[in-house]
């Protein structure tokens, strides 16, 4: 039995329902549809529903990997810890760094639409003003920064409101779209097949963008130290979250194919949902879906902040990044230094992004770059679970399929998409995606030379678990448990 001293994150703050809400909010269904549909359509055309379908299957394999790994290692760093303790600490650090960089880039890709959607509620012409969208988006970002700083309970209360309204609006419009008769084209089952892809390279580019659609459900794993019964809850919530957003993604992508023309999609590349809403319900539809997108964008800014700050907290705690990042606020039990650092960096990047062009241009390159980084850390987690469970895979069919084969195929798919899509991406997208990962080599090698214990890990093995005692600070009452010290196994 191991004991670690020091203040940590607030334990038992979230329940099962809370965690499912966080998983759905992390994938941001309305935001993903609004910001990414035009990018996906430009890449694969009418095959958009097929790209989402065939990416969902390996994505479930990655979700299973996170579920199985979360049962044996409860750690706010998630894949950063798992990959480091199974494959190699260098790969573990790159896994964590990929999440940190992708999430930080998303602060720009998410804040801009948050500002743009807010302005569109008052004047659609203002929504295309990048500078004004930046100011309003920055205001929303700072608001979410304050919520995340206030603790896990405050965070989930805000999510219940934002995501609840968003999902209600999306569900209503999914039903309305079924009864819409004035379409640009008739539904065709071939949209769910491979016929509309432009070869394997075209399929890979579509799958890379589809990965961005789903990305974010794994916030549940980063919240594992703050979740009740996290060994079961975080993995289950991730799987349920993927199922919910998959249904929404397919329903709306098919509706876009049926109802909107290619010209409408191209001319409204920063918010296809508003145009769809106006077609389905003239007058009110566009405004309501703009509200859904705005809430979804703000909600996913919050979950992304959680992912990056919890990852940096774990890195600071392990001293693979500055140890100050592992400090926890004495009142709110949140990693306040990591939150302030991420907030400052993201705001600087948000302001600098004005030089890159319109909202639509910025989104296109950012989405592809983030897709590359997602493929890396999801793929590594898929390999990690096979290594961690290697001694138990043949003990049952369920272990073999769900803890081995499916995650392994998911990992292979992610890395195939990564390699295959490189040739089709813009120079900016590749530079941001690969360059962002390469920058991580600097802190990795520096702290490796400093002798961080992270680089001498106890190997993660599903046949062995370690229990840890929690030793709260004297200032904390007996009723207020906190996760203490270094990463622990259960």
Protein backbone atom coordinates (compact mmCIF):
# COMPACT_ATOMS: atom_id res chain seq x y z
CA UNK A 1 0.00 0.00 0.00
CA UNK A 2 1.36 3.42 -0.94
CA UNK A 3 0.75 6.76 0.76
CA UNK A 4 1.29 10.20 -0.77
CA UNK A 5 1.01 13.55 0.96
CA UNK A 6 -0.07 16.87 -0.51
CA UNK A 7 -3.24 18.57 -1.60
CA UNK A 8 -4.85 17.22 -4.76
CA UNK A 9 -8.01 17.51 -6.81
CA UNK A 10 -11.46 17.29 -5.25
CA UNK A 11 -12.55 13.64 -5.12
CA UNK A 12 -16.14 12.38 -5.60
CA UNK A 13 -17.34 15.69 -7.07
CA UNK A 14 -19.05 14.11 -10.12
CA UNK A 15 -21.53 11.25 -10.49
CA UNK A 16 -22.41 9.04 -13.47
CA UNK A 17 -24.99 11.41 -15.01
CA UNK A 18 -22.64 14.37 -14.58
CA UNK A 19 -19.87 12.49 -16.34
CA UNK A 20 -22.09 11.49 -19.28
CA UNK A 21 -23.05 15.17 -19.68
CA UNK A 22 -19.36 16.09 -19.71
CA UNK A 23 -18.65 13.45 -22.39
CA UNK A 24 -21.39 14.78 -24.68
CA UNK A 25 -20.38 18.38 -24.03
CA UNK A 26 -16.76 17.47 -24.78
CA UNK A 27 -17.67 16.30 -28.28
CA UNK A 28 -19.76 19.49 -28.74
CA UNK A 29 -22.35 18.18 -31.23
CA UNK A 30 -23.77 21.55 -32.34
CA UNK A 31 -20.36 23.22 -32.59
CA UNK A 32 -18.83 20.28 -34.46
CA UNK A 33 -21.69 20.26 -36.97
CA UNK A 34 -21.63 24.02 -37.48
CA UNK A 35 -17.87 24.51 -37.73
CA UNK A 36 -16.80 21.25 -39.36
CA UNK A 37 -19.54 20.21 -41.80
CA UNK A 38 -18.32 22.54 -44.56
CA UNK A 39 -14.75 21.28 -44.06
CA UNK A 40 -15.92 17.66 -44.23
CA UNK A 41 -18.12 18.27 -47.29
CA UNK A 42 -15.25 19.99 -49.12
CA UNK A 43 -13.08 16.93 -48.41
CA UNK A 44 -15.48 14.07 -49.18
CA UNK A 45 -18.68 15.62 -50.60
CA UNK A 46 -21.78 13.47 -50.20
CA UNK A 47 -19.74 10.81 -48.37
CA UNK A 48 -19.86 12.89 -45.15
CA UNK A 49 -22.28 10.49 -43.38
CA UNK A 50 -20.05 7.54 -44.38
CA UNK A 51 -16.92 9.24 -43.02
CA UNK A 52 -18.64 9.76 -39.66
CA UNK A 53 -19.94 6.17 -39.63
CA UNK A 54 -16.63 4.50 -40.45
CA UNK A 55 -14.70 6.69 -38.04
CA UNK A 56 -17.17 5.90 -35.23
CA UNK A 57 -16.27 2.19 -35.31
CA UNK A 58 -12.52 2.60 -34.55
CA UNK A 59 -13.36 5.51 -32.23
CA UNK A 60 -15.40 3.09 -30.12
CA UNK A 61 -12.29 0.92 -29.97
CA UNK A 62 -10.33 3.86 -28.56
CA UNK A 63 -13.13 4.55 -26.07
CA UNK A 64 -12.89 0.91 -24.96
CA UNK A 65 -9.14 1.38 -24.52
CA UNK A 66 -9.72 4.40 -22.27
CA UNK A 67 -12.36 2.45 -20.34
CA UNK A 68 -10.11 -0.55 -19.69
CA UNK A 69 -7.05 1.57 -18.85
CA UNK A 70 -9.09 3.77 -16.51
CA UNK A 71 -9.96 0.69 -14.46
CA UNK A 72 -6.35 0.11 -13.45
CA UNK A 73 -4.84 3.61 -13.38
CA UNK A 74 -6.90 6.55 -12.12
CA UNK A 75 -4.95 9.59 -13.26
CA UNK A 76 -5.89 13.11 -14.38
CA UNK A 77 -3.26 12.78 -17.12
CA UNK A 78 -5.09 9.76 -18.63
CA UNK A 79 -3.21 8.66 -21.79
CA UNK A 80 -0.12 10.56 -20.64
CA UNK A 81 0.14 8.18 -17.65
CA UNK A 82 -1.12 5.02 -19.37
CA UNK A 83 1.12 5.21 -22.43
CA UNK A 84 4.14 6.20 -20.34
CA UNK A 85 3.71 3.19 -18.07
CA UNK A 86 3.09 0.64 -20.83
CA UNK A 87 4.87 1.63 -24.05
CA UNK A 88 7.58 4.13 -23.05
CA UNK A 89 7.73 7.36 -20.98
CA UNK A 90 8.79 9.33 -24.07
CA UNK A 91 5.67 8.16 -25.92
CA UNK A 92 3.60 8.90 -22.82
CA UNK A 93 4.86 12.46 -22.71
CA UNK A 94 4.18 12.94 -26.43
CA UNK A 95 0.68 11.56 -25.85
CA UNK A 96 0.02 14.10 -23.13
CA UNK A 97 1.67 16.86 -25.12
CA UNK A 98 -0.50 16.07 -28.17
CA UNK A 99 -3.59 16.66 -26.03
CA UNK A 100 -2.15 19.87 -24.55
CA UNK A 101 -1.28 21.31 -27.97
CA UNK A 102 -4.52 20.24 -29.69
CA UNK A 103 -6.59 21.65 -26.83
CA UNK A 104 -4.66 24.92 -26.84
CA UNK A 105 -5.13 25.31 -30.60
CA UNK A 106 -8.81 24.60 -30.06
CA UNK A 107 -9.04 27.63 -27.78
CA UNK A 108 -8.67 29.66 -30.98
CA UNK A 109 -10.82 27.35 -33.11
CA UNK A 110 -13.52 27.43 -30.42
CA UNK A 111 -13.40 30.99 -29.14
CA UNK A 112 -13.77 32.56 -32.59
CA UNK A 113 -17.06 30.76 -33.39
CA UNK A 114 -18.35 31.51 -29.87
CA UNK A 115 -17.89 35.20 -30.62
CA UNK A 116 -19.20 34.86 -34.17
CA UNK A 117 -22.36 33.00 -33.09
CA UNK A 118 -23.07 35.54 -30.36
CA UNK A 119 -22.82 38.40 -32.85
CA UNK A 120 -25.00 36.52 -35.37
CA UNK A 121 -27.88 36.61 -32.88
CA UNK A 122 -27.95 40.38 -33.27
CA UNK A 123 -26.66 40.99 -36.80
CA UNK A 124 -25.56 38.31 -39.28
CA UNK A 125 -23.18 40.73 -40.99
CA UNK A 126 -21.24 41.19 -37.77
CA UNK A 127 -20.59 37.44 -37.56
CA UNK A 128 -17.99 37.69 -40.36
CA UNK A 129 -16.00 40.38 -38.57
CA UNK A 130 -12.96 38.43 -37.32
CA UNK A 131 -11.70 41.18 -35.01
CA UNK A 132 -15.06 41.68 -33.29
CA UNK A 133 -15.60 37.91 -33.08
CA UNK A 134 -12.21 37.68 -31.37
CA UNK A 135 -13.19 40.23 -28.71
CA UNK A 136 -16.53 38.58 -27.92
CA UNK A 137 -15.01 35.08 -28.08
CA UNK A 138 -12.27 36.15 -25.68
CA UNK A 139 -14.93 37.37 -23.24
CA UNK A 140 -16.66 33.97 -23.32
CA UNK A 141 -13.32 32.22 -22.92
CA UNK A 142 -12.48 34.26 -19.83
CA UNK A 143 -15.91 33.46 -18.38
CA UNK A 144 -15.31 29.72 -18.85
CA UNK A 145 -11.84 30.12 -17.39
CA UNK A 146 -13.47 31.48 -14.24
CA UNK A 147 -15.97 28.60 -14.10
CA UNK A 148 -13.22 25.96 -14.46
CA UNK A 149 -11.18 27.72 -11.79
CA UNK A 150 -14.21 27.52 -9.47
CA UNK A 151 -14.16 23.72 -9.32
CA UNK A 152 -15.65 20.55 -10.77
CA UNK A 153 -19.09 21.00 -9.20
CA UNK A 154 -19.51 24.53 -10.59
CA UNK A 155 -18.27 23.29 -13.95
CA UNK A 156 -20.82 20.51 -14.22
CA UNK A 157 -23.69 22.78 -13.12
CA UNK A 158 -22.86 25.15 -15.95
CA UNK A 159 -22.68 22.17 -18.33
CA UNK A 160 -26.10 20.88 -17.31
CA UNK A 161 -27.67 24.18 -18.35
CA UNK A 162 -25.72 24.77 -21.56
CA UNK A 163 -25.72 21.21 -22.88
CA UNK A 164 -29.33 20.60 -21.80
CA UNK A 165 -30.63 23.50 -23.89
CA UNK A 166 -28.31 22.59 -26.79
CA UNK A 167 -29.44 18.94 -26.94
CA UNK A 168 -33.12 19.89 -26.67
CA UNK A 169 -32.81 22.22 -29.66
CA UNK A 170 -30.85 19.68 -31.71
CA UNK A 171 -33.33 16.88 -30.98
CA UNK A 172 -36.25 19.10 -32.02
CA UNK A 173 -34.59 20.04 -35.32
CA UNK A 174 -33.60 16.45 -36.05
CA UNK A 175 -37.31 15.57 -35.93
CA UNK A 176 -38.33 18.64 -37.97
CA UNK A 177 -35.75 17.79 -40.64
CA UNK A 178 -37.39 14.37 -41.14
CA UNK A 179 -40.62 16.06 -42.21
CA UNK A 180 -38.98 18.69 -44.42
CA UNK A 181 -40.06 18.03 -48.01
CA UNK A 182 -38.36 20.81 -50.01
CA UNK A 183 -34.91 19.31 -50.45
CA UNK A 184 -31.96 19.92 -52.77
CA UNK A 185 -31.68 16.17 -53.41
CA UNK A 186 -33.28 12.87 -52.38
CA UNK A 187 -31.77 10.65 -49.69
CA UNK A 188 -29.46 7.98 -51.11
CA UNK A 189 -28.17 4.96 -49.18
CA UNK A 190 -24.92 5.24 -51.12
CA UNK A 191 -24.01 8.17 -48.85
CA UNK A 192 -23.24 5.52 -46.20
CA UNK A 193 -21.03 3.48 -48.52
CA UNK A 194 -17.54 3.89 -49.98
CA UNK A 195 -18.57 4.92 -53.50
CA UNK A 196 -18.36 8.68 -52.99
CA UNK A 197 -14.81 8.74 -51.58
CA UNK A 198 -12.00 9.85 -53.89
CA UNK A 199 -9.83 6.79 -53.26
CA UNK A 200 -8.13 5.85 -50.01
CA UNK A 201 -6.52 9.28 -49.63
CA UNK A 202 -9.97 10.87 -49.84
CA UNK A 203 -11.31 8.46 -47.24
CA UNK A 204 -8.36 9.19 -44.93
CA UNK A 205 -8.87 12.96 -45.14
CA UNK A 206 -12.55 12.50 -44.32
CA UNK A 207 -11.74 10.21 -41.39
CA UNK A 208 -9.23 12.74 -40.02
CA UNK A 209 -11.91 15.44 -39.97
CA UNK A 210 -14.45 12.99 -38.53
CA UNK A 211 -12.03 12.32 -35.66
CA UNK A 212 -12.28 16.01 -34.79
CA UNK A 213 -16.10 15.67 -34.65
CA UNK A 214 -15.89 12.98 -31.98
CA UNK A 215 -12.89 14.36 -30.08
CA UNK A 216 -13.58 15.50 -26.52
CA UNK A 217 -15.51 12.59 -24.98
CA UNK A 218 -12.29 11.55 -23.21
CA UNK A 219 -12.59 14.55 -20.85
CA UNK A 220 -14.22 11.98 -18.55
CA UNK A 221 -10.82 10.29 -18.09
CA UNK A 222 -9.14 13.59 -17.23
CA UNK A 223 -11.81 14.02 -14.54
CA UNK A 224 -11.25 10.54 -13.10
CA UNK A 225 -9.65 11.81 -9.88
CA UNK A 226 -12.76 13.92 -9.28
CA UNK A 227 -15.38 11.26 -10.14
CA UNK A 228 -17.20 8.79 -7.87
CA UNK A 229 -16.50 5.14 -8.72
CA UNK A 230 -14.29 6.39 -11.53
CA UNK A 231 -12.97 2.94 -12.46
CA UNK A 232 -16.40 2.17 -13.93
CA UNK A 233 -17.95 5.59 -14.48
CA UNK A 234 -15.45 7.39 -16.70
CA UNK A 235 -15.18 4.64 -19.32
CA UNK A 236 -18.93 4.02 -19.42
CA UNK A 237 -19.65 7.74 -19.79
CA UNK A 238 -17.23 8.00 -22.71
CA UNK A 239 -18.94 5.14 -24.55
CA UNK A 240 -22.44 6.54 -23.92
CA UNK A 241 -21.27 10.00 -25.01
CA UNK A 242 -19.93 8.69 -28.32
CA UNK A 243 -23.22 6.86 -28.96
CA UNK A 244 -25.31 10.00 -28.39
CA UNK A 245 -23.21 12.31 -30.54
CA UNK A 246 -22.92 9.69 -33.31
CA UNK A 247 -26.71 9.66 -33.72
CA UNK A 248 -26.83 13.46 -33.80
CA UNK A 249 -23.94 13.72 -36.25
CA UNK A 250 -25.48 11.24 -38.66
CA UNK A 251 -28.96 12.79 -38.48
CA UNK A 252 -27.74 16.31 -39.19
CA UNK A 253 -25.14 15.38 -41.80
CA UNK A 254 -27.75 13.47 -43.78
CA UNK A 255 -30.12 16.43 -43.36
CA UNK A 256 -27.44 18.76 -44.76
CA UNK A 257 -26.98 16.46 -47.78
CA UNK A 258 -30.73 16.35 -48.41
CA UNK A 259 -31.74 19.94 -47.70
CA UNK A 260 -28.79 22.18 -48.60
CA UNK A 261 -27.09 22.70 -51.95
CA UNK A 262 -23.32 22.61 -52.36
CA UNK A 263 -23.35 26.37 -52.91
CA UNK A 264 -25.21 27.01 -49.65
CA UNK A 265 -22.69 24.91 -47.74
CA UNK A 266 -19.70 26.63 -49.35
CA UNK A 267 -21.04 30.16 -48.80
CA UNK A 268 -21.76 29.48 -45.10
CA UNK A 269 -18.67 27.49 -44.20
CA UNK A 270 -18.38 28.90 -40.66
CA UNK A 271 -21.94 27.95 -39.65
CA UNK A 272 -23.84 25.52 -41.86
CA UNK A 273 -26.36 24.80 -39.08
CA UNK A 274 -27.83 28.32 -39.17
CA UNK A 275 -28.65 27.93 -42.87
CA UNK A 276 -30.10 24.48 -42.26
CA UNK A 277 -32.26 25.83 -39.44
CA UNK A 278 -33.57 28.62 -41.66
CA UNK A 279 -34.55 26.08 -44.33
CA UNK A 280 -36.29 23.78 -41.85
CA UNK A 281 -38.04 26.54 -39.89
CA UNK A 282 -37.93 29.91 -41.71
CA UNK A 283 -37.71 32.89 -39.40
CA UNK A 284 -36.95 31.15 -36.10
CA UNK A 285 -34.95 28.08 -37.10
CA UNK A 286 -31.70 29.84 -37.90
CA UNK A 287 -31.71 31.82 -34.67
CA UNK A 288 -32.47 28.80 -32.50
CA UNK A 289 -29.68 26.74 -34.02
CA UNK A 290 -27.31 29.68 -33.63
CA UNK A 291 -28.19 29.60 -29.91
CA UNK A 292 -27.46 25.84 -29.85
CA UNK A 293 -24.10 26.35 -31.57
CA UNK A 294 -23.17 29.22 -29.27
CA UNK A 295 -23.97 27.19 -26.15
CA UNK A 296 -22.19 24.13 -27.54
CA UNK A 297 -19.08 26.14 -28.34
CA UNK A 298 -18.96 27.73 -24.91
CA UNK A 299 -19.60 24.35 -23.27
CA UNK A 300 -16.79 22.64 -25.17
CA UNK A 301 -14.40 25.49 -24.37
CA UNK A 302 -15.06 24.56 -20.76
CA UNK A 303 -14.44 20.82 -21.23
CA UNK A 304 -11.32 21.47 -23.31
CA UNK A 305 -9.98 23.72 -20.57
CA UNK A 306 -10.52 20.86 -18.14
CA UNK A 307 -8.64 18.42 -20.38
CA UNK A 308 -5.60 20.61 -20.92
CA UNK A 309 -5.35 21.88 -17.35
CA UNK A 310 -5.77 18.41 -15.78
CA UNK A 311 -3.13 17.05 -18.17
CA UNK A 312 -0.73 19.86 -17.26
CA UNK A 313 -1.55 19.30 -13.58
CA UNK A 314 -0.51 15.65 -13.90
CA UNK A 315 2.67 16.67 -15.75
CA UNK A 316 3.54 19.28 -13.12
CA UNK A 317 2.86 16.75 -10.35
CA UNK A 318 5.24 14.28 -12.05
CA UNK A 319 7.76 17.07 -12.71
CA UNK A 320 7.82 16.45 -16.45
CA UNK A 321 6.75 20.09 -16.77
CA UNK A 322 7.31 22.96 -14.29
CA UNK A 323 6.20 21.70 -10.88
CA UNK A 324 4.14 24.88 -10.32
CA UNK A 325 1.58 23.46 -12.77
CA UNK A 326 0.82 20.77 -10.14
CA UNK A 327 -0.30 23.32 -7.55
CA UNK A 328 -3.92 23.16 -6.43
CA UNK A 329 -6.03 26.08 -5.17
CA UNK A 330 -6.57 25.76 -1.38
CA UNK A 331 -10.28 26.56 -1.61
CA UNK A 332 -11.51 25.22 -4.97
CA UNK A 333 -9.13 22.25 -5.37
CA UNK A 334 -8.41 23.16 -8.98
CA UNK A 335 -4.99 23.41 -10.69
CA UNK A 336 -5.03 27.21 -10.68
CA UNK A 337 -1.51 27.76 -12.04
CA UNK A 338 -2.18 25.49 -15.03
CA UNK A 339 -5.51 27.27 -15.63
CA UNK A 340 -3.91 30.73 -15.62
CA UNK A 341 -1.02 29.64 -17.87
CA UNK A 342 -3.35 28.05 -20.42
CA UNK A 343 -5.63 31.08 -20.31
CA UNK A 344 -2.79 33.49 -21.01
CA UNK A 345 -1.29 31.44 -23.86
CA UNK A 346 -4.67 30.86 -25.48
CA UNK A 347 -5.60 34.55 -25.38
CA UNK A 348 -2.30 35.53 -27.01
CA UNK A 349 -2.88 32.91 -29.75
CA UNK A 350 -6.47 34.08 -30.20
CA UNK A 351 -5.37 37.66 -30.79
CA UNK A 352 -2.54 36.56 -33.10
CA UNK A 353 -4.97 34.46 -35.18
CA UNK A 354 -6.52 37.65 -36.57
CA UNK A 355 -3.61 37.79 -39.01
CA UNK A 356 -4.53 34.39 -40.48
CA UNK A 357 -7.71 35.41 -42.28
CA UNK A 358 -11.44 34.84 -41.87
CA UNK A 359 -13.16 32.67 -39.27
CA UNK A 360 -13.72 29.96 -41.90
CA UNK A 361 -10.05 29.94 -43.00
CA UNK A 362 -8.79 29.67 -39.44
CA UNK A 363 -11.19 26.83 -38.65
CA UNK A 364 -10.20 24.76 -41.68
CA UNK A 365 -6.46 24.63 -40.92
CA UNK A 366 -7.00 24.30 -37.15
CA UNK A 367 -9.40 21.36 -37.51
CA UNK A 368 -7.00 19.40 -39.72
CA UNK A 369 -4.02 20.14 -37.45
CA UNK A 370 -5.95 19.07 -34.36
CA UNK A 371 -7.02 15.91 -36.19
CA UNK A 372 -3.37 14.88 -36.61
CA UNK A 373 -2.67 15.36 -32.90
CA UNK A 374 -5.84 13.52 -31.88
CA UNK A 375 -4.82 10.55 -34.04
CA UNK A 376 -1.47 10.36 -32.21
CA UNK A 377 -2.69 10.23 -28.62
CA UNK A 378 -5.78 8.14 -29.35
CA UNK A 379 -3.67 5.68 -31.33
CA UNK A 380 -1.06 5.36 -28.58
CA UNK A 381 -3.79 4.66 -26.00
CA UNK A 382 -5.12 1.88 -28.25
CA UNK A 383 -1.71 0.19 -28.24
CA UNK A 384 -1.24 0.81 -24.50
CA UNK A 385 -4.33 -1.15 -23.46
CA UNK A 386 -3.16 -4.23 -25.38
CA UNK A 387 0.17 -4.15 -23.53
CA UNK A 388 -1.42 -3.52 -20.12
CA UNK A 389 -3.93 -6.38 -20.55
CA UNK A 390 -1.68 -8.76 -22.50
CA UNK A 391 -1.74 -11.42 -19.75
CA UNK A 392 -5.54 -11.46 -19.49
CA UNK A 393 -6.67 -11.13 -23.13
CA UNK A 394 -7.10 -14.87 -23.65
CA UNK A 395 -9.01 -15.44 -20.41
CA UNK A 396 -12.37 -14.51 -21.98
CA UNK A 397 -13.86 -13.55 -25.34
CA UNK A 398 -14.89 -10.15 -23.93
CA UNK A 399 -11.34 -9.38 -22.81
CA UNK A 400 -9.96 -10.41 -26.20
CA UNK A 401 -12.43 -8.37 -28.28
CA UNK A 402 -13.09 -5.31 -26.11
CA UNK A 403 -9.75 -5.03 -24.31
CA UNK A 404 -7.51 -6.13 -27.17
CA UNK A 405 -8.68 -6.60 -30.75
CA UNK A 406 -11.07 -3.64 -31.09
CA UNK A 407 -8.73 -1.09 -29.44
CA UNK A 408 -5.81 -2.43 -31.49
CA UNK A 409 -7.74 -2.01 -34.75
CA UNK A 410 -8.75 1.47 -33.59
CA UNK A 411 -5.10 2.37 -32.95
CA UNK A 412 -3.99 1.04 -36.34
CA UNK A 413 -6.77 3.01 -38.01
CA UNK A 414 -5.73 6.25 -36.25
CA UNK A 415 -2.10 5.95 -37.35
CA UNK A 416 -3.09 4.95 -40.88
CA UNK A 417 -5.29 8.05 -41.11
CA UNK A 418 -2.40 10.16 -39.75
CA UNK A 419 0.06 8.97 -42.42
CA UNK A 420 -2.39 8.75 -45.33
CA UNK A 421 -3.85 12.24 -44.84
CA UNK A 422 -0.54 14.14 -44.67
CA UNK A 423 -0.19 14.49 -48.43
CA UNK A 424 -3.63 16.03 -48.80
CA UNK A 425 -3.38 18.69 -46.08
CA UNK A 426 -2.36 22.31 -46.48
CA UNK A 427 1.15 23.38 -45.51
CA UNK A 428 -0.27 25.41 -42.62
CA UNK A 429 -2.23 22.45 -41.24
CA UNK A 430 0.80 20.13 -41.38
CA UNK A 431 3.08 22.78 -39.87
CA UNK A 432 0.68 23.38 -36.98
CA UNK A 433 -0.04 19.68 -36.45
CA UNK A 434 3.48 18.24 -36.71
CA UNK A 435 5.30 21.37 -35.52
CA UNK A 436 3.16 21.49 -32.39
CA UNK A 437 4.13 17.91 -31.54
CA UNK A 438 7.82 18.56 -32.27
CA UNK A 439 7.93 21.47 -29.82
CA UNK A 440 7.14 18.95 -27.06
CA UNK A 441 10.56 17.35 -27.51
CA UNK A 442 12.16 20.32 -25.76
CA UNK A 443 10.47 19.97 -22.33
CA UNK A 444 10.49 16.18 -22.64
CA UNK A 445 14.28 15.96 -23.02
CA UNK A 446 14.91 18.73 -20.47
CA UNK A 447 12.93 17.10 -17.66
CA UNK A 448 14.21 13.64 -18.58
CA UNK A 449 17.73 14.95 -17.98
CA UNK A 450 16.52 16.47 -14.67
CA UNK A 451 15.71 12.95 -13.48
CA UNK A 452 11.90 13.02 -13.14
CA UNK A 453 10.59 9.76 -11.66
CA UNK A 454 8.06 9.65 -14.50
CA UNK A 455 10.88 8.38 -16.72
CA UNK A 456 11.46 5.42 -14.38
CA UNK A 457 7.88 4.12 -14.23
CA UNK A 458 6.33 1.15 -12.49
CA UNK A 459 4.93 -0.80 -15.43
CA UNK A 460 1.15 -0.84 -15.77
CA UNK A 461 -0.16 -4.40 -15.62
CA UNK A 462 -3.84 -5.36 -15.42
CA UNK A 463 -3.03 -8.35 -13.22
CA UNK A 464 -1.64 -6.15 -10.43
CA UNK A 465 -3.27 -3.20 -8.69
CA UNK A 466 -2.12 -0.93 -5.89
CA UNK A 467 -4.36 0.66 -3.30
CA UNK A 468 -3.59 4.14 -2.04
CA UNK A 469 -4.51 5.91 1.15
CA UNK A 470 -5.74 9.50 1.00
CA UNK A 471 -4.17 11.84 3.49
CA UNK A 472 -5.97 15.22 3.38
CA UNK A 473 -4.32 18.40 4.60
CA UNK A 474 -5.19 19.37 8.16
CA UNK A 475 -7.09 22.38 6.87
CA UNK A 476 -9.58 20.14 5.08
CA UNK A 477 -12.50 18.70 7.03
CA UNK A 478 -13.02 14.97 7.32
CA UNK A 479 -16.07 15.19 5.05
CA UNK A 480 -14.07 16.79 2.22
CA UNK A 481 -11.88 14.16 0.56
CA UNK A 482 -9.25 15.14 -1.94
CA UNK A 483 -7.08 13.06 -4.22
CA UNK A 484 -3.60 13.21 -2.82
CA UNK A 485 -0.11 13.16 -4.22
CA UNK A 486 1.25 11.22 -7.15
CA UNK A 487 -0.64 9.11 -9.73
CA UNK A 488 -2.11 5.99 -8.17
CA UNK A 489 -3.49 2.66 -9.32
CA UNK A 490 -6.68 1.10 -8.02
